[in-house]
Amino acid sequence: MAKSGLNKEMQLKEAIRKFVKDGNSLTFGGFCGRVPMAAALEIVRQRKNDITLIDDSKNDEADILIGAGCIKRWEGAYLSHGVPGLSRNYRRAVQQEIPHRLEVEESSNYGMSLRFLAGALNVPFLPTRSLLGSDIPKYNQKIKVIEDPYEGTPIALVPAANPDVSIIHVQRADVMGNSQILGFLANDENKARAAKHTIITCEEIVSTDEIRKIPNLTVIPFYCVDAVVKVPYGSYWWSLIGYYAYDIMFSKDFVKENGTREGFLKWLNKWVYECEDHEEFLEKIGWDRIKRVTEIEHMCNQIPW
């Protein structure tokens, strides 16, 4: 359903409370950068649960949600930390059912991309041959292998993905939701169209006239968007092209503490539950540290607007 061109600006707490409900299916934008970390941590603070996460490959945001007990089901390709290694909470959930049993439906990155494309196109499925070279159709019963009616050869069908909510972090947007992205788009333009509701978090809110100056960067149009939330450093500790670099040392510290369940719970309490909101999280990080990752990024990438 097309969204109106009205002012959709709201606070992060309000957007998560309004659109993310227990039992929903979610997807997150970004891919090894431009990660909506602030939104993910707010979902944890609000203690949402029974969520189905439908995604491609995700990093710390998914691992934290799994460890916090928010996720009941994972449909996707791969979960890892930014620092190499399989997500620890994902491993504990699958192998030890900690904090509870996690349902898993595996696919490939390309397979998941096709699912979001199908959802965006409002078709029930899309075909692919790539999955035929793997065991994924053997273990994922939603993937149907049929005979191609034109060539008479096997073809795999993947079902459309239509999450209840997509949450996407961008560099800038206007109050209606016209959203501009620099760098790798991942599947975000399709996730916004496939989802029933889309929350945009952004570094800056600018005028529609400013957006129109470089219209080709408007990857997500207003009619896909339900909420626009200004969240400076909304991807931190991950990177955002043109704004700040990846804080690899913070990530390494997280992975180290996440080596045990006890260590993760200690980290979660310190960096999520003891912080009232994203602003308090940044204060605890320290502005000198944040300034350094900002300066590093500005030395590497100049913003074209």
Protein backbone atom coordinates (compact mmCIF):
# COMPACT_ATOMS: atom_id res chain seq x y z
CA MET A 1 0.00 0.00 0.00
CA ALA A 2 1.42 3.40 -0.96
CA LYS A 3 2.35 5.64 1.94
CA SER A 4 1.33 9.31 2.01
CA GLY A 5 3.59 12.28 1.43
CA LEU A 6 3.01 13.63 4.92
CA ASN A 7 5.61 14.42 7.58
CA LYS A 8 6.61 11.04 9.08
CA GLU A 9 9.35 12.20 11.42
CA MET A 10 9.29 10.60 14.88
CA GLN A 11 11.61 9.50 17.67
CA LEU A 12 13.27 6.08 17.61
CA LYS A 13 11.47 4.79 20.69
CA GLU A 14 8.13 5.79 19.20
CA ALA A 15 8.84 4.21 15.81
CA ILE A 16 9.90 0.87 17.31
CA ARG A 17 6.96 0.86 19.73
CA LYS A 18 4.46 1.70 16.98
CA PHE A 19 5.59 -0.62 14.20
CA VAL A 20 7.54 -3.52 15.75
CA LYS A 21 5.20 -5.91 17.57
CA ASP A 22 5.83 -9.20 19.33
CA GLY A 23 5.54 -12.00 16.79
CA ASN A 24 6.42 -9.80 13.80
CA SER A 25 8.80 -10.69 10.99
CA LEU A 26 11.67 -8.22 10.48
CA THR A 27 14.46 -7.44 8.07
CA PHE A 28 17.37 -5.03 8.47
CA GLY A 29 19.11 -2.97 5.82
CA GLY A 30 22.82 -2.61 5.25
CA PHE A 31 25.51 -5.18 4.62
CA CYS A 32 28.79 -5.07 6.59
CA GLY A 33 28.20 -1.33 6.98
CA ARG A 34 25.23 1.06 7.16
CA VAL A 35 23.80 -1.30 9.78
CA PRO A 36 20.76 0.01 11.76
CA MET A 37 22.43 -0.75 15.10
CA ALA A 38 20.59 1.93 17.08
CA ALA A 39 17.23 0.51 16.02
CA ALA A 40 18.31 -3.06 16.78
CA LEU A 41 19.43 -2.11 20.30
CA GLU A 42 16.17 -0.24 20.87
CA ILE A 43 14.24 -3.40 19.96
CA VAL A 44 16.24 -5.19 22.66
CA ARG A 45 15.55 -2.39 25.19
CA GLN A 46 11.83 -2.68 24.52
CA ARG A 47 12.14 -6.46 25.00
CA LYS A 48 10.30 -7.44 21.83
CA ASN A 49 10.05 -11.20 21.39
CA ASP A 50 8.91 -14.07 19.14
CA ILE A 51 10.38 -12.27 16.13
CA THR A 52 11.13 -13.96 12.82
CA LEU A 53 14.23 -12.44 11.26
CA ILE A 54 14.21 -12.74 7.46
CA ASP A 55 17.45 -11.52 5.94
CA ASP A 56 20.52 -12.18 3.80
CA SER A 57 23.76 -12.09 5.78
CA LYS A 58 23.72 -10.21 9.07
CA ASN A 59 26.23 -9.30 11.73
CA ASP A 60 26.16 -8.05 15.31
CA GLU A 61 22.62 -6.68 15.17
CA ALA A 62 21.17 -10.14 14.57
CA ASP A 63 23.51 -11.85 17.02
CA ILE A 64 22.56 -9.45 19.82
CA LEU A 65 18.84 -9.90 19.14
CA ILE A 66 19.27 -13.68 19.25
CA GLY A 67 21.28 -13.53 22.47
CA ALA A 68 18.72 -11.22 24.08
CA GLY A 69 15.98 -13.77 23.35
CA CYS A 70 14.09 -11.60 20.86
CA ILE A 71 14.35 -13.96 17.88
CA LYS A 72 12.43 -17.23 17.58
CA ARG A 73 13.20 -17.96 13.91
CA TRP A 74 15.97 -17.13 11.45
CA GLU A 75 15.43 -17.30 7.69
CA GLY A 76 18.63 -16.34 5.91
CA ALA A 77 22.06 -17.11 4.56
CA TYR A 78 24.78 -16.38 7.11
CA LEU A 79 25.40 -14.82 10.51
CA SER A 80 28.82 -13.58 11.57
CA HIS A 81 30.62 -10.93 13.58
CA GLY A 82 32.48 -8.21 11.75
CA VAL A 83 35.65 -9.64 13.21
CA PRO A 84 35.78 -13.07 11.48
CA GLY A 85 33.84 -15.85 13.12
CA LEU A 86 30.37 -17.31 13.27
CA SER A 87 28.00 -15.34 15.50
CA ARG A 88 28.42 -16.69 19.03
CA ASN A 89 24.83 -16.26 20.19
CA TYR A 90 23.59 -17.91 17.01
CA ARG A 91 25.87 -20.87 17.66
CA ARG A 92 24.69 -21.16 21.29
CA ALA A 93 21.03 -20.95 20.25
CA VAL A 94 21.37 -23.66 17.59
CA GLN A 95 23.69 -26.02 19.46
CA GLN A 96 22.58 -25.52 23.08
CA GLU A 97 19.15 -23.83 22.81
CA ILE A 98 20.47 -20.84 24.78
CA PRO A 99 18.59 -18.63 25.57
CA HIS A 100 15.99 -20.80 23.81
CA ARG A 101 15.58 -23.00 20.75
CA LEU A 102 16.05 -21.14 17.47
CA GLU A 103 14.19 -22.26 14.36
CA VAL A 104 16.44 -22.07 11.29
CA GLU A 105 15.61 -21.96 7.59
CA GLU A 106 18.78 -21.67 5.51
CA SER A 107 19.21 -20.19 2.07
CA SER A 108 21.96 -18.42 0.12
CA ASN A 109 22.61 -14.69 -0.25
CA TYR A 110 21.42 -14.84 -3.84
CA GLY A 111 18.41 -16.92 -2.84
CA MET A 112 17.44 -14.36 -0.20
CA SER A 113 17.98 -11.50 -2.68
CA LEU A 114 15.49 -13.19 -5.01
CA ARG A 115 13.01 -13.58 -2.15
CA PHE A 116 13.07 -9.82 -1.46
CA LEU A 117 12.89 -9.04 -5.17
CA ALA A 118 9.83 -11.28 -5.49
CA GLY A 119 8.27 -9.53 -2.50
CA ALA A 120 8.99 -6.12 -4.03
CA LEU A 121 7.47 -7.20 -7.36
CA ASN A 122 4.40 -8.66 -5.62
CA VAL A 123 4.88 -12.06 -7.24
CA PRO A 124 4.72 -15.31 -5.21
CA PHE A 125 8.14 -16.68 -6.20
CA LEU A 126 11.14 -16.34 -8.51
CA PRO A 127 13.20 -19.03 -10.27
CA THR A 128 16.92 -19.73 -9.93
CA ARG A 129 19.40 -22.39 -11.01
CA SER A 130 22.12 -21.51 -8.50
CA LEU A 131 20.54 -23.40 -5.60
CA LEU A 132 20.57 -26.61 -7.62
CA GLY A 133 24.31 -26.82 -7.03
CA SER A 134 23.85 -27.08 -3.26
CA ASP A 135 22.10 -29.14 -0.58
CA ILE A 136 19.98 -26.16 0.45
CA PRO A 137 16.79 -27.39 -1.31
CA LYS A 138 17.20 -30.70 0.54
CA TYR A 139 16.91 -28.98 3.93
CA ASN A 140 14.71 -25.99 3.05
CA GLN A 141 11.26 -27.33 2.20
CA LYS A 142 10.04 -23.95 0.93
CA ILE A 143 12.36 -24.21 -2.08
CA LYS A 144 10.55 -26.14 -4.79
CA VAL A 145 12.42 -27.85 -7.62
CA ILE A 146 10.29 -28.24 -10.73
CA GLU A 147 10.77 -28.89 -14.42
CA ASP A 148 11.30 -25.73 -16.44
CA PRO A 149 8.24 -25.66 -18.72
CA TYR A 150 10.27 -24.07 -21.53
CA GLU A 151 13.50 -26.05 -21.53
CA GLY A 152 12.51 -29.20 -19.67
CA THR A 153 15.40 -28.90 -17.18
CA PRO A 154 15.26 -28.57 -13.35
CA ILE A 155 14.66 -25.12 -11.90
CA ALA A 156 14.37 -24.05 -8.26
CA LEU A 157 11.66 -21.67 -7.03
CA VAL A 158 12.14 -19.46 -3.96
CA PRO A 159 9.13 -17.90 -2.18
CA ALA A 160 8.61 -14.17 -1.88
CA ALA A 161 9.62 -12.49 1.38
CA ASN A 162 7.19 -9.89 2.74
CA PRO A 163 8.36 -8.99 6.26
CA ASP A 164 6.08 -7.08 8.56
CA VAL A 165 8.78 -4.45 9.09
CA SER A 166 11.97 -3.40 7.35
CA ILE A 167 14.40 -1.12 9.20
CA ILE A 168 16.94 0.65 7.01
CA HIS A 169 19.65 3.17 7.92
CA VAL A 170 20.58 5.75 5.28
CA GLN A 171 22.78 8.80 5.01
CA ARG A 172 19.93 11.28 4.62
CA ALA A 173 16.20 11.57 4.02
CA ASP A 174 13.45 14.17 3.99
CA VAL A 175 10.51 14.11 6.42
CA MET A 176 8.32 12.28 3.91
CA GLY A 177 10.79 9.40 3.65
CA ASN A 178 12.61 10.00 0.37
CA SER A 179 15.88 8.30 1.32
CA GLN A 180 19.32 8.63 -0.24
CA ILE A 181 22.09 6.05 0.04
CA LEU A 182 25.78 6.29 -0.77
CA GLY A 183 27.70 3.09 -1.42
CA PHE A 184 26.55 -0.51 -1.54
CA LEU A 185 22.76 -0.79 -1.60
CA ALA A 186 22.55 -4.46 -0.58
CA ASN A 187 18.87 -5.48 -0.99
CA ASP A 188 17.52 -2.34 0.65
CA GLU A 189 15.47 -0.91 -2.22
CA ASN A 190 13.63 -4.25 -2.45
CA LYS A 191 13.31 -4.70 1.31
CA ALA A 192 11.57 -1.33 1.57
CA ARG A 193 9.09 -2.30 -1.14
CA ALA A 194 8.54 -5.86 0.07
CA ALA A 195 7.77 -5.02 3.70
CA LYS A 196 4.39 -4.05 5.07
CA HIS A 197 6.02 -1.20 7.04
CA THR A 198 9.39 0.51 6.60
CA ILE A 199 11.25 2.51 9.24
CA ILE A 200 14.02 4.76 7.92
CA THR A 201 16.72 5.87 10.34
CA CYS A 202 19.10 8.49 8.99
CA GLU A 203 22.08 10.63 9.89
CA GLU A 204 20.43 13.80 8.60
CA ILE A 205 16.98 15.03 7.72
CA VAL A 206 17.15 17.51 4.84
CA SER A 207 14.60 19.39 2.75
CA THR A 208 12.85 17.80 -0.19
CA ASP A 209 14.44 20.47 -2.41
CA GLU A 210 17.86 19.26 -1.26
CA ILE A 211 16.90 15.66 -2.04
CA ARG A 212 15.81 16.70 -5.54
CA LYS A 213 19.25 18.13 -6.34
CA ILE A 214 20.64 14.57 -6.70
CA PRO A 215 17.53 12.51 -7.47
CA ASN A 216 19.44 9.43 -8.65
CA LEU A 217 20.60 8.81 -5.06
CA THR A 218 16.99 8.49 -3.85
CA VAL A 219 16.92 4.70 -3.63
CA ILE A 220 13.85 4.48 -1.38
CA PRO A 221 10.91 6.77 -2.25
CA PHE A 222 8.47 8.23 0.25
CA TYR A 223 5.61 5.93 -0.75
CA CYS A 224 7.48 2.95 0.75
CA VAL A 225 8.12 4.61 4.12
CA ASP A 226 6.09 4.77 7.35
CA ALA A 227 8.53 6.48 9.73
CA VAL A 228 11.60 8.72 9.43
CA VAL A 229 13.91 8.89 12.44
CA LYS A 230 16.96 11.12 12.71
CA VAL A 231 19.60 9.02 14.49
CA PRO A 232 23.14 10.45 14.20
CA TYR A 233 25.67 7.61 14.42
CA GLY A 234 22.76 5.21 14.00
CA SER A 235 25.07 2.59 12.47
CA TYR A 236 27.85 2.86 15.08
CA TRP A 237 30.01 0.73 15.73
CA TRP A 238 29.66 -0.22 12.10
CA SER A 239 30.67 2.18 9.35
CA LEU A 240 28.70 4.61 7.22
CA ILE A 241 30.25 5.88 4.00
CA GLY A 242 30.95 9.59 4.18
CA TYR A 243 30.23 9.84 7.92
CA TYR A 244 32.27 7.49 10.13
CA ALA A 245 34.54 4.46 9.94
CA TYR A 246 34.11 0.99 11.42
CA ASP A 247 35.24 0.96 15.08
CA ILE A 248 37.00 -2.37 14.83
CA MET A 249 38.36 -2.22 18.38
CA PHE A 250 34.87 -1.86 19.87
CA SER A 251 33.78 -4.77 17.69
CA LYS A 252 36.72 -6.90 18.84
CA ASP A 253 35.89 -6.16 22.47
CA PHE A 254 32.29 -7.19 21.87
CA VAL A 255 33.34 -10.46 20.23
CA LYS A 256 35.73 -11.21 23.10
CA GLU A 257 33.07 -10.65 25.77
CA ASN A 258 30.58 -12.60 23.68
CA GLY A 259 32.77 -15.68 23.93
CA THR A 260 30.65 -16.87 26.86
CA ARG A 261 26.99 -16.49 27.75
CA GLU A 262 27.95 -14.74 30.98
CA GLY A 263 30.20 -12.32 29.13
CA PHE A 264 27.49 -11.48 26.63
CA LEU A 265 24.92 -10.79 29.36
CA LYS A 266 27.41 -8.49 31.08
CA TRP A 267 28.01 -6.65 27.79
CA LEU A 268 24.25 -6.45 27.11
CA ASN A 269 23.55 -4.95 30.50
CA LYS A 270 26.33 -2.36 30.20
CA TRP A 271 25.76 -1.20 26.63
CA VAL A 272 22.02 -1.71 26.15
CA TYR A 273 19.91 -2.01 29.30
CA GLU A 274 21.86 0.56 31.32
CA CYS A 275 21.51 3.07 28.46
CA GLU A 276 18.16 4.85 28.31
CA ASP A 277 18.49 5.45 24.58
CA HIS A 278 20.95 5.77 21.70
CA GLU A 279 22.14 9.16 22.90
CA GLU A 280 23.14 7.73 26.28
CA PHE A 281 24.87 4.84 24.49
CA LEU A 282 26.98 7.35 22.54
CA GLU A 283 27.79 9.27 25.70
CA LYS A 284 29.07 6.07 27.27
CA ILE A 285 31.18 5.32 24.17
CA GLY A 286 32.76 8.76 24.50
CA TRP A 287 32.75 11.61 22.01
CA ASP A 288 36.52 11.62 21.64
CA ARG A 289 36.40 8.06 20.35
CA ILE A 290 33.48 8.84 18.04
CA LYS A 291 35.32 11.91 16.75
CA ARG A 292 38.30 9.72 15.76
CA VAL A 293 36.24 7.29 13.65
CA THR A 294 34.53 10.30 12.06
CA GLU A 295 37.84 11.90 11.13
CA ILE A 296 39.16 8.62 9.70
CA GLU A 297 36.15 8.31 7.42
CA HIS A 298 36.34 11.92 6.30
CA MET A 299 39.96 11.41 5.28
CA CYS A 300 38.92 8.47 3.10
CA ASN A 301 35.58 9.52 1.61
CA GLN A 302 34.24 12.95 0.73
CA ILE A 303 30.47 13.33 0.65
CA PRO A 304 29.33 14.46 -2.85
CA TRP A 305 26.57 16.78 -1.61
